[in-house]
C-alpha atoms as a PDB file:
ATOM      1  CA  MET A   1     312.772 206.998 183.243  1.00  0.00           C
ATOM      2  CA  SER A   2     311.249 206.563 179.693  1.00  0.00           C
ATOM      3  CA  ALA A   3     307.794 206.180 181.201  1.00  0.00           C
ATOM      4  CA  ILE A   4     307.789 208.856 182.592  1.00  0.00           C
ATOM      5  CA  ARG A   5     309.261 211.297 179.834  1.00  0.00           C
ATOM      6  CA  LEU A   6     306.202 209.666 178.063  1.00  0.00           C
ATOM      7  CA  CYS A   7     303.752 211.219 180.452  1.00  0.00           C
ATOM      8  CA  HIS A   8     305.188 214.582 179.824  1.00  0.00           C
ATOM      9  CA  GLN A   9     303.356 215.146 177.097  1.00  0.00           C
ATOM     10  CA  PRO A  10     299.347 216.254 177.858  1.00  0.00           C
ATOM     11  CA  PHE A  11     297.069 213.335 177.956  1.00  0.00           C
ATOM     12  CA  SER A  12     294.872 212.108 175.522  1.00  0.00           C
ATOM     13  CA  GLY A  13     292.906 209.052 174.865  1.00  0.00           C
ATOM     14  CA  LEU A  14     294.066 205.498 174.976  1.00  0.00           C
ATOM     15  CA  SER A  15     297.806 207.261 174.698  1.00  0.00           C
ATOM     16  CA  ALA A  16     296.785 208.866 178.268  1.00  0.00           C
ATOM     17  CA  LEU A  17     295.936 205.203 179.539  1.00  0.00           C
ATOM     18  CA  THR A  18     299.162 203.548 178.135  1.00  0.00           C
ATOM     19  CA  CYS A  19     301.418 206.506 179.791  1.00  0.00           C
ATOM     20  CA  LEU A  20     299.725 205.562 183.162  1.00  0.00           C
ATOM     21  CA  MET A  21     299.853 202.019 182.803  1.00  0.00           C
ATOM     22  CA  LEU A  22     303.656 202.181 181.762  1.00  0.00           C
ATOM     23  CA  PHE A  23     304.322 204.402 184.744  1.00  0.00           C
ATOM     24  CA  LEU A  24     302.540 202.363 187.102  1.00  0.00           C
ATOM     25  CA  ALA A  25     303.708 199.104 185.894  1.00  0.00           C
ATOM     26  CA  LEU A  26     307.736 200.390 186.177  1.00  0.00           C
ATOM     27  CA  ALA A  27     307.165 202.437 189.337  1.00  0.00           C
ATOM     28  CA  ALA A  28     305.732 199.002 191.270  1.00  0.00           C
ATOM     29  CA  CYS A  29     308.942 197.001 190.256  1.00  0.00           C
ATOM     30  CA  ALA A  30     311.020 199.750 191.501  1.00  0.00           C
ATOM     31  CA  PRO A  31     313.096 199.013 194.961  1.00  0.00           C
ATOM     32  CA  ARG A  32     311.962 201.510 197.459  1.00  0.00           C
ATOM     33  CA  GLN A  33     314.797 202.809 199.173  1.00  0.00           C
ATOM     34  CA  ALA A  34     314.603 202.514 203.280  1.00  0.00           C
ATOM     35  CA  ALA A  35     316.296 204.342 206.169  1.00  0.00           C
ATOM     36  CA  GLN A  36     319.255 202.582 207.591  1.00  0.00           C
ATOM     37  CA  ILE A  37     321.157 202.964 211.059  1.00  0.00           C
ATOM     38  CA  ALA A  38     324.645 203.932 211.004  1.00  0.00           C
ATOM     39  CA  PRO A  39     327.178 205.595 213.601  1.00  0.00           C
ATOM     40  CA  PRO A  40     327.342 209.346 213.431  1.00  0.00           C
ATOM     41  CA  SER A  41     329.984 211.576 211.969  1.00  0.00           C
ATOM     42  CA  PRO A  42     331.423 214.680 213.470  1.00  0.00           C
ATOM     43  CA  LEU A  43     331.159 216.749 210.378  1.00  0.00           C
ATOM     44  CA  ALA A  44     327.269 215.595 210.110  1.00  0.00           C
ATOM     45  CA  THR A  45     324.823 217.923 211.343  1.00  0.00           C
ATOM     46  CA  THR A  46     321.982 215.943 213.039  1.00  0.00           C
ATOM     47  CA  GLU A  47     317.888 216.673 212.773  1.00  0.00           C
ATOM     48  CA  ARG A  48     315.448 215.524 215.475  1.00  0.00           C
ATOM     49  CA  ILE A  49     312.423 214.332 213.884  1.00  0.00           C
ATOM     50  CA  PHE A  50     309.672 213.502 216.270  1.00  0.00           C
ATOM     51  CA  VAL A  51     306.571 211.399 214.799  1.00  0.00           C
ATOM     52  CA  THR A  52     302.710 210.446 215.136  1.00  0.00           C
ATOM     53  CA  THR A  53     301.847 207.636 213.112  1.00  0.00           C
ATOM     54  CA  GLU A  54     299.571 204.585 212.559  1.00  0.00           C
ATOM     55  CA  LEU A  55     301.954 202.400 211.153  1.00  0.00           C
ATOM     56  CA  ALA A  56     302.840 199.537 213.634  1.00  0.00           C
ATOM     57  CA  LEU A  57     306.626 200.005 214.327  1.00  0.00           C
ATOM     58  CA  ASP A  58     307.815 196.812 213.280  1.00  0.00           C
ATOM     59  CA  ASN A  59     306.341 196.834 209.822  1.00  0.00           C
ATOM     60  CA  LEU A  60     307.324 200.460 208.482  1.00  0.00           C
ATOM     61  CA  GLY A  61     307.518 199.164 205.177  1.00  0.00           C
ATOM     62  CA  PRO A  62     304.731 199.334 202.091  1.00  0.00           C
ATOM     63  CA  ILE A  63     301.531 198.536 203.362  1.00  0.00           C
ATOM     64  CA  PHE A  64     299.741 198.225 199.489  1.00  0.00           C
ATOM     65  CA  GLY A  65     296.765 195.214 199.942  1.00  0.00           C
ATOM     66  CA  GLN A  66     297.679 195.155 203.579  1.00  0.00           C
ATOM     67  CA  GLN A  67     295.058 195.918 206.370  1.00  0.00           C
ATOM     68  CA  ARG A  68     294.985 199.540 207.318  1.00  0.00           C
ATOM     69  CA  PRO A  69     296.941 200.020 211.098  1.00  0.00           C
ATOM     70  CA  ASP A  70     294.832 201.050 214.043  1.00  0.00           C
ATOM     71  CA  GLY A  71     296.261 202.686 217.045  1.00  0.00           C
ATOM     72  CA  GLN A  72     298.733 205.676 217.135  1.00  0.00           C
ATOM     73  CA  ASN A  73     302.707 205.536 217.549  1.00  0.00           C
ATOM     74  CA  TYR A  74     305.450 208.009 219.095  1.00  0.00           C
ATOM     75  CA  LEU A  75     308.518 207.805 218.117  1.00  0.00           C
ATOM     76  CA  ARG A  76     312.041 209.812 217.655  1.00  0.00           C
ATOM     77  CA  LEU A  77     314.726 209.816 215.247  1.00  0.00           C
ATOM     78  CA  ASP A  78     317.743 211.464 214.651  1.00  0.00           C
ATOM     79  CA  VAL A  79     318.454 211.790 211.024  1.00  0.00           C
ATOM     80  CA  SER A  80     322.149 212.637 210.306  1.00  0.00           C
ATOM     81  CA  ILE A  81     322.905 215.166 207.236  1.00  0.00           C
ATOM     82  CA  PRO A  82     326.232 214.403 205.542  1.00  0.00           C
ATOM     83  CA  PRO A  83     328.484 217.732 205.279  1.00  0.00           C
ATOM     84  CA  THR A  84     328.485 217.163 201.217  1.00  0.00           C
ATOM     85  CA  HIS A  85     324.502 217.720 201.874  1.00  0.00           C
ATOM     86  CA  THR A  86     323.295 219.832 198.777  1.00  0.00           C
ATOM     87  CA  PRO A  87     320.000 221.726 199.456  1.00  0.00           C
ATOM     88  CA  GLY A  88     316.824 220.018 197.990  1.00  0.00           C
ATOM     89  CA  GLU A  89     318.803 216.631 197.972  1.00  0.00           C
ATOM     90  CA  ILE A  90     318.016 213.196 199.791  1.00  0.00           C
ATOM     91  CA  SER A  91     321.759 211.023 199.678  1.00  0.00           C
ATOM     92  CA  TRP A  92     320.952 207.584 200.020  1.00  0.00           C
ATOM     93  CA  PRO A  93     323.118 204.986 200.575  1.00  0.00           C
ATOM     94  CA  LYS A  94     324.642 203.257 197.198  1.00  0.00           C
ATOM     95  CA  GLY A  95     326.333 200.988 199.638  1.00  0.00           C
ATOM     96  CA  LYS A  96     326.968 200.386 203.330  1.00  0.00           C
ATOM     97  CA  PRO A  97     325.720 203.725 204.846  1.00  0.00           C
ATOM     98  CA  ASP A  98     328.346 206.281 206.171  1.00  0.00           C
ATOM     99  CA  ALA A  99     327.268 209.375 207.940  1.00  0.00           C
ATOM    100  CA  ALA A 100     329.797 211.467 206.162  1.00  0.00           C
ATOM    101  CA  THR A 101     327.865 211.495 202.843  1.00  0.00           C
ATOM    102  CA  ASP A 102     324.419 209.806 203.259  1.00  0.00           C
ATOM    103  CA  PHE A 103     321.476 210.676 205.543  1.00  0.00           C
ATOM    104  CA  VAL A 104     321.389 208.211 207.617  1.00  0.00           C
ATOM    105  CA  VAL A 105     319.901 207.617 211.320  1.00  0.00           C
ATOM    106  CA  THR A 106     321.970 207.416 214.314  1.00  0.00           C
ATOM    107  CA  ASP A 107     319.522 207.458 217.022  1.00  0.00           C
ATOM    108  CA  ILE A 108     315.781 205.961 217.606  1.00  0.00           C
ATOM    109  CA  GLN A 109     313.470 206.189 221.020  1.00  0.00           C
ATOM    110  CA  THR A 110     310.156 205.393 221.169  1.00  0.00           C
ATOM    111  CA  TYR A 111     307.296 206.606 223.733  1.00  0.00           C
ATOM    112  CA  LYS A 112     304.256 204.996 224.821  1.00  0.00           C
ATOM    113  CA  THR A 113     301.915 207.909 225.004  1.00  0.00           C
ATOM    114  CA  SER A 114     301.645 211.312 223.124  1.00  0.00           C
ATOM    115  CA  SER A 115     302.193 213.284 225.892  1.00  0.00           C
ATOM    116  CA  ALA A 116     305.551 211.516 226.640  1.00  0.00           C
ATOM    117  CA  MET A 117     306.562 212.177 223.411  1.00  0.00           C
ATOM    118  CA  ILE A 118     305.699 216.263 223.342  1.00  0.00           C
ATOM    119  CA  GLY A 119     307.472 216.454 226.311  1.00  0.00           C
ATOM    120  CA  ALA A 120     310.583 215.027 224.815  1.00  0.00           C
ATOM    121  CA  MET A 121     310.022 217.124 221.964  1.00  0.00           C
ATOM    122  CA  ARG A 122     309.594 220.165 224.062  1.00  0.00           C
ATOM    123  CA  ARG A 123     312.545 219.616 226.086  1.00  0.00           C
ATOM    124  CA  ALA A 124     314.401 219.199 223.481  1.00  0.00           C
ATOM    125  CA  ALA A 125     313.680 221.978 221.379  1.00  0.00           C
ATOM    126  CA  PRO A 126     311.943 224.417 223.394  1.00  0.00           C
ATOM    127  CA  GLY A 127     308.976 226.749 221.824  1.00  0.00           C
ATOM    128  CA  ASN A 128     305.157 227.209 222.188  1.00  0.00           C
ATOM    129  CA  GLU A 129     305.232 226.540 218.018  1.00  0.00           C
ATOM    130  CA  THR A 130     305.120 223.421 216.459  1.00  0.00           C
ATOM    131  CA  LEU A 131     305.858 223.189 212.883  1.00  0.00           C
ATOM    132  CA  VAL A 132     303.868 219.532 211.728  1.00  0.00           C
ATOM    133  CA  TYR A 133     304.426 218.118 208.273  1.00  0.00           C
ATOM    134  CA  VAL A 134     301.916 215.831 206.649  1.00  0.00           C
ATOM    135  CA  HIS A 135     303.500 213.996 203.535  1.00  0.00           C
ATOM    136  CA  GLY A 136     301.341 212.993 200.519  1.00  0.00           C
ATOM    137  CA  TYR A 137     300.456 209.888 198.290  1.00  0.00           C
ATOM    138  CA  ASN A 138     302.856 207.394 197.762  1.00  0.00           C
ATOM    139  CA  SER A 139     305.413 207.979 200.379  1.00  0.00           C
ATOM    140  CA  THR A 140     306.952 205.161 202.521  1.00  0.00           C
ATOM    141  CA  PHE A 141     307.580 205.939 206.125  1.00  0.00           C
ATOM    142  CA  SER A 142     311.644 206.399 205.320  1.00  0.00           C
ATOM    143  CA  GLU A 143     310.614 208.503 202.346  1.00  0.00           C
ATOM    144  CA  SER A 144     308.848 210.610 204.776  1.00  0.00           C
ATOM    145  CA  VAL A 145     311.416 210.992 207.502  1.00  0.00           C
ATOM    146  CA  TYR A 146     314.220 211.762 205.337  1.00  0.00           C
ATOM    147  CA  ARG A 147     312.128 214.517 203.444  1.00  0.00           C
ATOM    148  CA  PHE A 148     311.202 216.428 206.562  1.00  0.00           C
ATOM    149  CA  ALA A 149     314.726 216.076 207.847  1.00  0.00           C
ATOM    150  CA  GLN A 150     315.777 217.723 204.694  1.00  0.00           C
ATOM    151  CA  ILE A 151     313.561 220.381 205.287  1.00  0.00           C
ATOM    152  CA  ARG A 152     314.129 221.401 208.390  1.00  0.00           C
ATOM    153  CA  ALA A 153     317.885 221.096 207.426  1.00  0.00           C
ATOM    154  CA  ASP A 154     317.914 223.750 204.133  1.00  0.00           C
ATOM    155  CA  PHE A 155     315.378 225.795 205.948  1.00  0.00           C
ATOM    156  CA  GLY A 156     316.354 226.132 209.508  1.00  0.00           C
ATOM    157  CA  GLY A 157     314.582 227.320 211.778  1.00  0.00           C
ATOM    158  CA  SER A 158     314.701 226.106 215.823  1.00  0.00           C
ATOM    159  CA  GLU A 159     311.132 225.220 216.535  1.00  0.00           C
ATOM    160  CA  PRO A 160     310.007 221.849 217.545  1.00  0.00           C
ATOM    161  CA  GLY A 161     308.781 219.651 214.564  1.00  0.00           C
ATOM    162  CA  MET A 162     306.518 216.573 214.198  1.00  0.00           C
ATOM    163  CA  LEU A 163     305.905 214.581 211.089  1.00  0.00           C
ATOM    164  CA  TYR A 164     302.725 213.022 210.904  1.00  0.00           C
ATOM    165  CA  SER A 165     302.671 209.655 208.928  1.00  0.00           C
ATOM    166  CA  TRP A 166     299.659 208.479 207.837  1.00  0.00           C
ATOM    167  CA  PRO A 167     299.053 205.082 206.608  1.00  0.00           C
ATOM    168  CA  SER A 168     300.074 205.379 202.663  1.00  0.00           C
ATOM    169  CA  ALA A 169     300.194 202.460 200.826  1.00  0.00           C
ATOM    170  CA  GLY A 170     303.990 203.461 199.764  1.00  0.00           C
ATOM    171  CA  ASP A 171     302.824 202.441 196.067  1.00  0.00           C
ATOM    172  CA  PRO A 172     302.207 203.765 193.167  1.00  0.00           C
ATOM    173  CA  ARG A 173     299.024 201.833 192.519  1.00  0.00           C
ATOM    174  CA  GLY A 174     297.855 202.672 195.850  1.00  0.00           C
ATOM    175  CA  TYR A 175     295.905 205.798 195.147  1.00  0.00           C
ATOM    176  CA  ALA A 176     292.389 205.076 195.846  1.00  0.00           C
ATOM    177  CA  TYR A 177     294.458 203.162 198.717  1.00  0.00           C
ATOM    178  CA  ASP A 178     295.733 206.460 200.287  1.00  0.00           C
ATOM    179  CA  ARG A 179     292.475 208.970 199.309  1.00  0.00           C
ATOM    180  CA  ASP A 180     290.575 206.449 201.623  1.00  0.00           C
ATOM    181  CA  SER A 181     293.300 206.375 204.086  1.00  0.00           C
ATOM    182  CA  ILE A 182     293.119 209.782 204.448  1.00  0.00           C
ATOM    183  CA  LEU A 183     289.582 209.577 205.396  1.00  0.00           C
ATOM    184  CA  THR A 184     290.328 207.222 208.108  1.00  0.00           C
ATOM    185  CA  VAL A 185     292.757 208.688 209.939  1.00  0.00           C
ATOM    186  CA  ARG A 186     291.218 212.559 210.108  1.00  0.00           C
ATOM    187  CA  ASP A 187     290.280 211.611 213.810  1.00  0.00           C
ATOM    188  CA  ASP A 188     293.507 210.829 214.772  1.00  0.00           C
ATOM    189  CA  PHE A 189     295.033 214.082 213.264  1.00  0.00           C
ATOM    190  CA  GLU A 190     292.635 216.219 214.964  1.00  0.00           C
ATOM    191  CA  LYS A 191     293.870 214.341 218.189  1.00  0.00           C
ATOM    192  CA  THR A 192     296.911 214.772 217.648  1.00  0.00           C
ATOM    193  CA  LEU A 193     296.641 218.493 217.086  1.00  0.00           C
ATOM    194  CA  ASN A 194     294.738 219.332 220.224  1.00  0.00           C
ATOM    195  CA  ALA A 195     297.536 217.792 222.102  1.00  0.00           C
ATOM    196  CA  LEU A 196     299.920 219.629 220.394  1.00  0.00           C
ATOM    197  CA  THR A 197     297.905 222.692 221.139  1.00  0.00           C
ATOM    198  CA  ALA A 198     296.954 222.230 224.501  1.00  0.00           C
ATOM    199  CA  GLY A 199     298.324 224.492 227.107  1.00  0.00           C
ATOM    200  CA  PRO A 200     298.897 228.466 227.195  1.00  0.00           C
ATOM    201  CA  ASP A 201     300.120 229.934 223.890  1.00  0.00           C
ATOM    202  CA  ARG A 202     300.549 226.287 222.373  1.00  0.00           C
ATOM    203  CA  SER A 203     300.348 226.718 218.942  1.00  0.00           C
ATOM    204  CA  VAL A 204     301.168 224.670 215.541  1.00  0.00           C
ATOM    205  CA  VAL A 205     301.925 225.186 211.705  1.00  0.00           C
ATOM    206  CA  LEU A 206     301.055 222.911 209.226  1.00  0.00           C
ATOM    207  CA  LEU A 207     303.070 221.935 206.259  1.00  0.00           C
ATOM    208  CA  ALA A 208     301.487 219.467 203.699  1.00  0.00           C
ATOM    209  CA  HIS A 209     302.304 218.012 200.640  1.00  0.00           C
ATOM    210  CA  SER A 210     300.356 216.604 197.298  1.00  0.00           C
ATOM    211  CA  MET A 211     297.595 214.535 199.706  1.00  0.00           C
ATOM    212  CA  GLY A 212     298.498 215.442 202.809  1.00  0.00           C
ATOM    213  CA  SER A 213     296.608 218.233 201.901  1.00  0.00           C
ATOM    214  CA  HIS A 214     293.449 216.569 201.685  1.00  0.00           C
ATOM    215  CA  LEU A 215     293.736 215.597 205.162  1.00  0.00           C
ATOM    216  CA  VAL A 216     294.889 218.771 206.867  1.00  0.00           C
ATOM    217  CA  MET A 217     291.503 220.195 205.118  1.00  0.00           C
ATOM    218  CA  GLU A 218     289.533 217.797 205.886  1.00  0.00           C
ATOM    219  CA  THR A 219     290.711 217.585 209.705  1.00  0.00           C
ATOM    220  CA  LEU A 220     290.086 221.629 209.906  1.00  0.00           C
ATOM    221  CA  ARG A 221     286.862 221.214 208.132  1.00  0.00           C
ATOM    222  CA  GLN A 222     286.225 218.633 210.950  1.00  0.00           C
ATOM    223  CA  ALA A 223     287.117 220.873 213.330  1.00  0.00           C
ATOM    224  CA  ALA A 224     285.082 223.668 212.299  1.00  0.00           C
ATOM    225  CA  LEU A 225     281.879 221.882 211.921  1.00  0.00           C
ATOM    226  CA  SER A 226     282.317 220.098 215.371  1.00  0.00           C
ATOM    227  CA  GLY A 227     282.761 223.393 216.858  1.00  0.00           C
ATOM    228  CA  ASN A 228     286.471 223.107 217.822  1.00  0.00           C
ATOM    229  CA  ARG A 229     287.362 226.941 217.221  1.00  0.00           C
ATOM    230  CA  ARG A 230     290.075 226.627 220.121  1.00  0.00           C
ATOM    231  CA  LEU A 231     292.304 224.515 217.827  1.00  0.00           C
ATOM    232  CA  LEU A 232     291.600 226.500 214.785  1.00  0.00           C
ATOM    233  CA  ASP A 233     292.671 229.860 216.626  1.00  0.00           C
ATOM    234  CA  ARG A 234     296.017 228.061 217.647  1.00  0.00           C
ATOM    235  CA  ILE A 235     296.920 227.348 213.917  1.00  0.00           C
ATOM    236  CA  ASN A 236     299.515 229.892 213.156  1.00  0.00           C
ATOM    237  CA  GLY A 237     299.566 229.429 209.388  1.00  0.00           C
ATOM    238  CA  VAL A 238     298.891 227.023 206.495  1.00  0.00           C
ATOM    239  CA  VAL A 239     300.895 225.680 203.397  1.00  0.00           C
ATOM    240  CA  LEU A 240     299.721 223.371 200.981  1.00  0.00           C
ATOM    241  CA  MET A 241     302.389 222.797 199.051  1.00  0.00           C
ATOM    242  CA  SER A 242     301.328 220.822 195.199  1.00  0.00           C
ATOM    243  CA  PRO A 243     297.876 220.237 197.069  1.00  0.00           C
ATOM    244  CA  ASP A 244     296.095 216.590 195.514  1.00  0.00           C
ATOM    245  CA  ILE A 245     292.531 218.648 195.497  1.00  0.00           C
ATOM    246  CA  ASP A 246     289.917 219.100 193.189  1.00  0.00           C
ATOM    247  CA  PRO A 247     289.460 223.076 193.730  1.00  0.00           C
ATOM    248  CA  ASP A 248     286.110 222.481 193.774  1.00  0.00           C
ATOM    249  CA  VAL A 249     286.393 220.285 196.827  1.00  0.00           C
ATOM    250  CA  PHE A 250     288.796 222.875 198.351  1.00  0.00           C
ATOM    251  CA  ARG A 251     286.369 225.889 198.074  1.00  0.00           C
ATOM    252  CA  SER A 252     283.421 223.922 199.999  1.00  0.00           C
ATOM    253  CA  GLN A 253     285.957 222.888 202.667  1.00  0.00           C
ATOM    254  CA  ALA A 254     287.174 226.522 203.041  1.00  0.00           C
ATOM    255  CA  THR A 255     283.874 227.715 203.239  1.00  0.00           C
ATOM    256  CA  ALA A 256     283.233 225.067 206.200  1.00  0.00           C
ATOM    257  CA  ILE A 257     285.915 226.123 207.762  1.00  0.00           C
ATOM    258  CA  GLY A 258     285.143 229.797 207.835  1.00  0.00           C
ATOM    259  CA  LYS A 259     288.187 232.393 208.792  1.00  0.00           C
ATOM    260  CA  LEU A 260     291.141 230.391 207.617  1.00  0.00           C
ATOM    261  CA  PRO A 261     294.438 230.383 209.087  1.00  0.00           C
ATOM    262  CA  ASP A 262     296.813 233.196 208.259  1.00  0.00           C
ATOM    263  CA  PRO A 263     298.856 233.247 206.513  1.00  0.00           C
ATOM    264  CA  PHE A 264     297.200 230.166 203.790  1.00  0.00           C
ATOM    265  CA  LEU A 265     299.818 229.841 201.464  1.00  0.00           C
ATOM    266  CA  ILE A 266     298.820 227.441 198.240  1.00  0.00           C
ATOM    267  CA  PHE A 267     302.449 226.463 196.447  1.00  0.00           C
ATOM    268  CA  ILE A 268     301.815 225.164 192.766  1.00  0.00           C
ATOM    269  CA  SER A 269     303.359 224.675 189.715  1.00  0.00           C
ATOM    270  CA  GLN A 270     302.160 224.389 185.937  1.00  0.00           C
ATOM    271  CA  GLU A 271     304.776 221.534 185.028  1.00  0.00           C
ATOM    272  CA  ASP A 272     304.035 219.165 188.204  1.00  0.00           C
ATOM    273  CA  ARG A 273     303.550 215.985 186.045  1.00  0.00           C
ATOM    274  CA  ALA A 274     302.817 213.788 189.573  1.00  0.00           C
ATOM    275  CA  LEU A 275     299.009 215.931 189.429  1.00  0.00           C
ATOM    276  CA  SER A 276     298.662 215.676 185.684  1.00  0.00           C
ATOM    277  CA  LEU A 277     298.441 211.887 186.881  1.00  0.00           C
ATOM    278  CA  ALA A 278     295.941 212.604 189.840  1.00  0.00           C
ATOM    279  CA  GLY A 279     293.868 214.609 187.205  1.00  0.00           C
ATOM    280  CA  PHE A 280     293.817 211.685 184.971  1.00  0.00           C
ATOM    281  CA  LEU A 281     292.705 209.704 187.393  1.00  0.00           C
ATOM    282  CA  THR A 282     290.393 211.660 189.426  1.00  0.00           C
ATOM    283  CA  GLY A 283     288.728 212.838 186.026  1.00  0.00           C
ATOM    284  CA  ARG A 284     290.906 214.941 183.888  1.00  0.00           C
ATOM    285  CA  LYS A 285     290.298 218.354 186.187  1.00  0.00           C
ATOM    286  CA  PRO A 286     293.615 220.292 187.194  1.00  0.00           C
ATOM    287  CA  ARG A 287     294.044 219.627 190.609  1.00  0.00           C
ATOM    288  CA  LEU A 288     294.789 222.594 193.063  1.00  0.00           C
ATOM    289  CA  GLY A 289     298.571 222.249 192.765  1.00  0.00           C
ATOM    290  CA  VAL A 290     298.113 223.319 189.029  1.00  0.00           C
ATOM    291  CA  ILE A 291     295.851 226.116 188.543  1.00  0.00           C
ATOM    292  CA  ASP A 292     296.302 228.665 186.020  1.00  0.00           C
ATOM    293  CA  GLY A 293     295.928 232.094 188.408  1.00  0.00           C
ATOM    294  CA  THR A 294     293.670 232.561 190.858  1.00  0.00           C
ATOM    295  CA  ASP A 295     290.025 232.036 189.480  1.00  0.00           C
ATOM    296  CA  ALA A 296     289.824 228.709 191.589  1.00  0.00           C
ATOM    297  CA  VAL A 297     290.357 230.438 194.631  1.00  0.00           C
ATOM    298  CA  ALA A 298     288.466 233.815 194.017  1.00  0.00           C
ATOM    299  CA  GLY A 299     287.124 235.188 197.064  1.00  0.00           C
ATOM    300  CA  LEU A 300     289.220 232.907 199.669  1.00  0.00           C
ATOM    301  CA  ASP A 301     291.477 234.171 202.056  1.00  0.00           C
ATOM    302  CA  VAL A 302     294.582 232.482 200.774  1.00  0.00           C
ATOM    303  CA  LYS A 303     297.819 233.285 198.320  1.00  0.00           C
ATOM    304  CA  VAL A 304     298.815 231.202 196.007  1.00  0.00           C
ATOM    305  CA  ILE A 305     302.645 231.336 195.023  1.00  0.00           C
ATOM    306  CA  ASP A 306     303.782 229.894 191.451  1.00  0.00           C
ATOM    307  CA  PHE A 307     307.107 227.851 191.153  1.00  0.00           C
ATOM    308  CA  THR A 308     306.518 226.429 187.495  1.00  0.00           C
ATOM    309  CA  ALA A 309     309.963 228.860 186.497  1.00  0.00           C
ATOM    310  CA  LEU A 310     312.062 227.365 189.794  1.00  0.00           C
ATOM    311  CA  GLY A 311     311.199 223.834 188.575  1.00  0.00           C
ATOM    312  CA  ASP A 312     314.101 221.530 187.625  1.00  0.00           C
ATOM    313  CA  GLY A 313     312.272 218.047 186.737  1.00  0.00           C
ATOM    314  CA  VAL A 314     313.251 216.445 189.714  1.00  0.00           C
ATOM    315  CA  GLY A 315     310.832 214.082 190.922  1.00  0.00           C
ATOM    316  CA  LEU A 316     308.216 215.067 188.739  1.00  0.00           C
ATOM    317  CA  ASN A 317     308.432 218.578 189.837  1.00  0.00           C
ATOM    318  CA  HIS A 318     305.727 217.354 192.769  1.00  0.00           C
ATOM    319  CA  SER A 319     308.208 219.076 195.343  1.00  0.00           C
ATOM    320  CA  VAL A 320     309.777 221.995 193.830  1.00  0.00           C
ATOM    321  CA  PRO A 321     309.520 224.313 196.515  1.00  0.00           C
ATOM    322  CA  VAL A 322     311.618 222.059 198.942  1.00  0.00           C
ATOM    323  CA  SER A 323     313.674 219.982 196.218  1.00  0.00           C
ATOM    324  CA  SER A 324     315.053 222.664 193.990  1.00  0.00           C
ATOM    325  CA  PRO A 325     317.843 224.511 195.158  1.00  0.00           C
ATOM    326  CA  ALA A 326     316.821 227.487 193.036  1.00  0.00           C
ATOM    327  CA  ALA A 327     313.366 227.125 194.590  1.00  0.00           C
ATOM    328  CA  ILE A 328     314.866 226.712 198.306  1.00  0.00           C
ATOM    329  CA  ALA A 329     316.613 229.859 197.754  1.00  0.00           C
ATOM    330  CA  VAL A 330     313.867 232.007 196.712  1.00  0.00           C
ATOM    331  CA  LEU A 331     311.638 230.605 199.365  1.00  0.00           C
ATOM    332  CA  LYS A 332     314.131 231.188 201.969  1.00  0.00           C
ATOM    333  CA  GLY A 333     314.396 235.135 200.788  1.00  0.00           C
ATOM    334  CA  LEU A 334     310.832 235.431 201.091  1.00  0.00           C
ATOM    335  CA  ILE A 335     310.556 233.583 204.436  1.00  0.00           C
ATOM    336  CA  ALA A 336     313.446 236.130 206.152  1.00  0.00           C
ATOM    337  CA  GLN A 337     311.711 239.143 204.502  1.00  0.00           C
ATOM    338  CA  ALA A 338     308.372 238.269 206.036  1.00  0.00           C
ATOM    339  CA  GLU A 339     310.243 237.531 209.419  1.00  0.00           C
ATOM    340  CA  SER A 340     311.399 240.972 209.313  1.00  0.00           C
ATOM    341  CA  GLY A 341     307.932 242.546 209.027  1.00  0.00           C
ATOM    342  CA  GLN A 342     308.078 243.315 205.184  1.00  0.00           C
ATOM    343  CA  GLN A 343     305.262 242.096 203.010  1.00  0.00           C
ATOM    344  CA  ALA A 344     306.949 239.096 201.640  1.00  0.00           C
ATOM    345  CA  PHE A 345     303.757 237.160 200.513  1.00  0.00           C
ATOM    346  CA  ARG A 346     301.383 238.635 197.776  1.00  0.00           C
ATOM    347  CA  ASP A 347     297.852 236.977 196.751  1.00  0.00           C
ATOM    348  CA  TYR A 348     299.345 235.508 193.540  1.00  0.00           C
ATOM    349  CA  MET A 349     303.110 235.700 192.890  1.00  0.00           C
ATOM    350  CA  VAL A 350     305.066 234.040 190.154  1.00  0.00           C
ATOM    351  CA  LEU A 351     308.249 233.085 191.122  1.00  0.00           C
ATOM    352  CA  THR A 352     311.775 233.581 188.863  1.00  0.00           C
ATOM    353  CA  ALA A 353     315.145 232.000 189.216  1.00  0.00           C
ATOM    354  CA  GLN A 354     317.323 234.774 190.764  1.00  0.00           C
ATOM    355  CA  PRO A 355     320.206 235.970 188.281  1.00  0.00           C
END
């Protein structure tokens, strides 16, 4: 924690490098939590998470330094959300896992093909629109599954949901590894989206976090350049949360895509310390998730929402819209307003805490 506090100040000279090395060294030594199986509790609720991943199902932990897996695997996990759940929080077991107090997995099902998984997903949650969540850098499989389960529990919604778990190193030292991994799975991700949108009226909404935003933008760009407008027309909305993308790269991607999905939302925070680290690693230029105002996206058909005031310091303020209880409350209100037909999202919004 001391290294994290050191990194709260702006980077400069040798102190920035020292801060970064301390953070990476301490973070690399910290144990990572893993999802555990436990019997269900009658008081808990269950979120059914479908997953497409390149990860080998017998090796779902960190893969830093290992060869990237090949091919795709398909599965479903039932994640139990305890009755004691607080919005924004993931409750990891501190001892023996207990569905009454912890996030736990109560059932797992694997599928041999994408079509078999999608068929099961449609039967479990009928609907033509699928919410697809793409995690970010330094994310393990367990962390990504539980985060998506927490998001679905806190925001509700009955539409089918799928996590796309790309091969992150699951290690803070793996920043370059993860950026390369994004490039290796663009074809796989486009293939996944094509499968989800096959058939009459099938569509998707994409929710991407951090470096996962880069995968979404690269895949949409690739689809546009290859003439796959059918897929682009089936995307009903995009949300980039704390996007770890160079603003110039984002502009070039958006220009290549052409007509962007509507709505296209970018969630930012000026206090996102994880993106401050990323900016240092990539040349001291602010990432898209910490832009100040709309100059960096001027002329693009996007809406920017600033969550800075709603951050609570958890997780370096890198997931504020879905980890801060205050932010969740405000965002749920905006979503309800949009669903009622009112204009909820302006081109640039700076959110404040509710009184």
